[in-house]
C-alpha cells in the first residue's frame, strides 16, 4: 500500500483473526446446509427424487 513500514500495513488492513474467519465459514456452511435440505424437500415433494433407503440384511 506504499507504507514505509510493513507493520502499519498489517495493523491497518489485517484486523481479522482466524477465529473470526472460522466462525464466518461455519455460518456459511450452516446456511448452505439449510438451503440444500430445503431443495431436497422440494424435489421430494414434486417427485423428482426419492428418499434414499438403505436396507440391511436381517441376521437374526
N, C-alpha and C. Protein backbone atom coordinates (compact mmCIF):
# COMPACT_ATOMS: atom_id res chain seq x y z
N UNK A 1 0.82 -1.19 0.00
CA UNK A 1 0.00 0.00 0.00
C UNK A 1 0.87 1.26 0.00
N UNK A 2 2.17 1.09 0.02
CA UNK A 2 3.04 2.24 -0.02
C UNK A 2 3.47 2.75 1.34
N UNK A 3 3.13 2.05 2.43
CA UNK A 3 3.57 2.48 3.76
C UNK A 3 5.06 2.20 3.92
N UNK A 4 5.69 3.01 4.72
CA UNK A 4 7.13 2.85 4.92
C UNK A 4 7.46 1.64 5.79
N UNK A 5 6.50 1.19 6.57
CA UNK A 5 6.72 0.08 7.49
C UNK A 5 5.62 -0.96 7.28
N UNK A 6 6.00 -2.24 7.11
CA UNK A 6 5.02 -3.31 6.89
C UNK A 6 4.07 -3.43 8.09
N UNK A 7 4.54 -3.09 9.28
CA UNK A 7 3.70 -3.15 10.47
C UNK A 7 2.46 -2.29 10.36
N UNK A 8 2.61 -1.13 9.75
CA UNK A 8 1.46 -0.24 9.56
C UNK A 8 0.44 -0.91 8.65
N UNK A 9 0.91 -1.47 7.57
CA UNK A 9 0.01 -2.15 6.63
C UNK A 9 -0.71 -3.31 7.33
N UNK A 10 0.03 -4.12 8.06
CA UNK A 10 -0.56 -5.27 8.73
C UNK A 10 -1.55 -4.86 9.81
N UNK A 11 -1.24 -3.81 10.55
CA UNK A 11 -2.15 -3.37 11.62
C UNK A 11 -3.41 -2.71 11.08
N UNK A 12 -3.32 -2.08 9.93
CA UNK A 12 -4.47 -1.37 9.38
C UNK A 12 -5.36 -2.29 8.56
N UNK A 13 -4.76 -3.17 7.75
CA UNK A 13 -5.53 -3.92 6.76
C UNK A 13 -5.78 -5.39 7.12
N UNK A 14 -5.23 -5.87 8.19
CA UNK A 14 -5.41 -7.29 8.55
C UNK A 14 -5.86 -7.42 10.00
N UNK A 15 -7.01 -6.90 10.30
CA UNK A 15 -7.51 -6.94 11.67
C UNK A 15 -8.37 -8.18 11.96
N UNK A 16 -8.65 -8.99 10.96
CA UNK A 16 -9.46 -10.19 11.19
C UNK A 16 -8.58 -11.29 11.78
N UNK A 17 -9.13 -12.05 12.69
CA UNK A 17 -8.40 -13.15 13.32
C UNK A 17 -8.90 -14.47 12.76
N UNK A 18 -8.13 -15.52 12.98
CA UNK A 18 -8.50 -16.84 12.48
C UNK A 18 -9.86 -17.26 13.02
N UNK A 19 -10.11 -17.02 14.30
CA UNK A 19 -11.39 -17.41 14.90
C UNK A 19 -12.57 -16.71 14.21
N UNK A 20 -12.36 -15.45 13.83
CA UNK A 20 -13.42 -14.71 13.11
C UNK A 20 -13.71 -15.37 11.77
N UNK A 21 -12.64 -15.71 11.05
CA UNK A 21 -12.81 -16.35 9.75
C UNK A 21 -13.47 -17.72 9.90
N UNK A 22 -13.07 -18.47 10.92
CA UNK A 22 -13.63 -19.80 11.14
C UNK A 22 -15.13 -19.71 11.45
N UNK A 23 -15.52 -18.75 12.26
CA UNK A 23 -16.94 -18.56 12.58
C UNK A 23 -17.74 -18.21 11.32
N UNK A 24 -17.16 -17.37 10.48
CA UNK A 24 -17.86 -16.99 9.25
C UNK A 24 -18.04 -18.19 8.32
N UNK A 25 -17.01 -19.03 8.23
CA UNK A 25 -17.12 -20.25 7.41
C UNK A 25 -18.22 -21.15 7.96
N UNK A 26 -18.31 -21.29 9.27
CA UNK A 26 -19.35 -22.11 9.88
C UNK A 26 -20.73 -21.56 9.59
N UNK A 27 -20.88 -20.24 9.61
CA UNK A 27 -22.16 -19.61 9.29
C UNK A 27 -22.55 -19.91 7.84
N UNK A 28 -21.58 -19.78 6.94
CA UNK A 28 -21.84 -20.04 5.52
C UNK A 28 -22.21 -21.50 5.31
N UNK A 29 -21.48 -22.42 5.97
CA UNK A 29 -21.77 -23.84 5.82
C UNK A 29 -23.17 -24.17 6.34
N UNK A 30 -23.55 -23.60 7.47
CA UNK A 30 -24.88 -23.85 8.02
C UNK A 30 -25.96 -23.34 7.07
N UNK A 31 -25.73 -22.17 6.49
CA UNK A 31 -26.68 -21.60 5.54
C UNK A 31 -26.82 -22.49 4.31
N UNK A 32 -25.68 -22.98 3.80
CA UNK A 32 -25.71 -23.86 2.62
C UNK A 32 -26.41 -25.18 2.94
N UNK A 33 -26.15 -25.74 4.12
CA UNK A 33 -26.78 -26.99 4.52
C UNK A 33 -28.30 -26.82 4.60
N UNK A 34 -28.74 -25.72 5.18
CA UNK A 34 -30.17 -25.46 5.29
C UNK A 34 -30.79 -25.32 3.90
N UNK A 35 -30.10 -24.64 3.01
CA UNK A 35 -30.61 -24.46 1.65
C UNK A 35 -30.68 -25.80 0.91
N UNK A 36 -29.67 -26.65 1.07
CA UNK A 36 -29.67 -27.95 0.42
C UNK A 36 -30.80 -28.83 0.95
N UNK A 37 -31.06 -28.77 2.24
CA UNK A 37 -32.17 -29.54 2.81
C UNK A 37 -33.50 -29.05 2.26
N UNK A 38 -33.63 -27.75 2.10
CA UNK A 38 -34.84 -27.18 1.54
C UNK A 38 -35.05 -27.63 0.10
N UNK A 39 -33.98 -27.63 -0.68
CA UNK A 39 -34.05 -28.07 -2.08
C UNK A 39 -34.43 -29.55 -2.14
N UNK A 40 -33.83 -30.37 -1.28
CA UNK A 40 -34.14 -31.80 -1.26
C UNK A 40 -35.62 -32.02 -0.93
N UNK A 41 -36.12 -31.31 0.07
CA UNK A 41 -37.53 -31.45 0.44
C UNK A 41 -38.44 -31.06 -0.72
N UNK A 42 -38.10 -29.99 -1.40
CA UNK A 42 -38.92 -29.54 -2.53
C UNK A 42 -38.89 -30.56 -3.66
N UNK A 43 -37.72 -31.12 -3.95
CA UNK A 43 -37.62 -32.13 -5.00
C UNK A 43 -38.39 -33.40 -4.64
N UNK A 44 -38.36 -33.77 -3.36
CA UNK A 44 -39.14 -34.94 -2.93
C UNK A 44 -40.64 -34.68 -3.10
N UNK A 45 -41.08 -33.45 -2.82
CA UNK A 45 -42.49 -33.11 -2.95
C UNK A 45 -42.98 -33.25 -4.39
N UNK A 46 -42.15 -32.83 -5.33
CA UNK A 46 -42.58 -32.88 -6.73
C UNK A 46 -42.22 -34.20 -7.40
N UNK A 47 -41.62 -35.12 -6.65
CA UNK A 47 -41.34 -36.45 -7.16
C UNK A 47 -40.10 -36.56 -8.03
N UNK A 48 -39.25 -35.55 -8.00
CA UNK A 48 -38.03 -35.60 -8.81
C UNK A 48 -36.99 -36.55 -8.22
N UNK A 49 -36.99 -36.67 -6.92
CA UNK A 49 -36.08 -37.62 -6.28
C UNK A 49 -36.84 -38.40 -5.22
N UNK A 50 -36.35 -39.56 -4.93
CA UNK A 50 -36.94 -40.38 -3.89
C UNK A 50 -35.98 -40.43 -2.71
N UNK A 51 -36.52 -40.46 -1.50
CA UNK A 51 -35.63 -40.57 -0.34
C UNK A 51 -34.80 -41.85 -0.45
N UNK A 52 -33.55 -41.76 -0.06
CA UNK A 52 -32.65 -42.90 -0.14
C UNK A 52 -32.90 -43.83 1.04
N UNK A 53 -33.19 -45.09 0.75
CA UNK A 53 -33.43 -46.07 1.79
C UNK A 53 -32.35 -47.13 1.70
N UNK A 54 -31.67 -47.35 2.80
CA UNK A 54 -30.63 -48.38 2.85
C UNK A 54 -31.17 -49.55 3.65
N UNK A 55 -31.21 -50.70 3.03
CA UNK A 55 -31.71 -51.89 3.70
C UNK A 55 -30.55 -52.78 4.14
N UNK A 56 -30.59 -53.19 5.37
CA UNK A 56 -29.56 -54.04 5.93
C UNK A 56 -30.12 -55.47 6.05
N UNK A 57 -29.30 -56.47 5.76
CA UNK A 57 -29.80 -57.86 5.88
C UNK A 57 -30.11 -58.18 7.35
N UNK A 58 -31.18 -58.95 7.54
CA UNK A 58 -31.57 -59.36 8.88
C UNK A 58 -30.76 -60.60 9.26
N UNK A 59 -29.90 -60.47 10.25
CA UNK A 59 -29.03 -61.59 10.65
C UNK A 59 -29.59 -62.37 11.82
N UNK A 60 -30.81 -62.05 12.22
CA UNK A 60 -31.39 -62.74 13.39
C UNK A 60 -31.91 -64.10 13.05
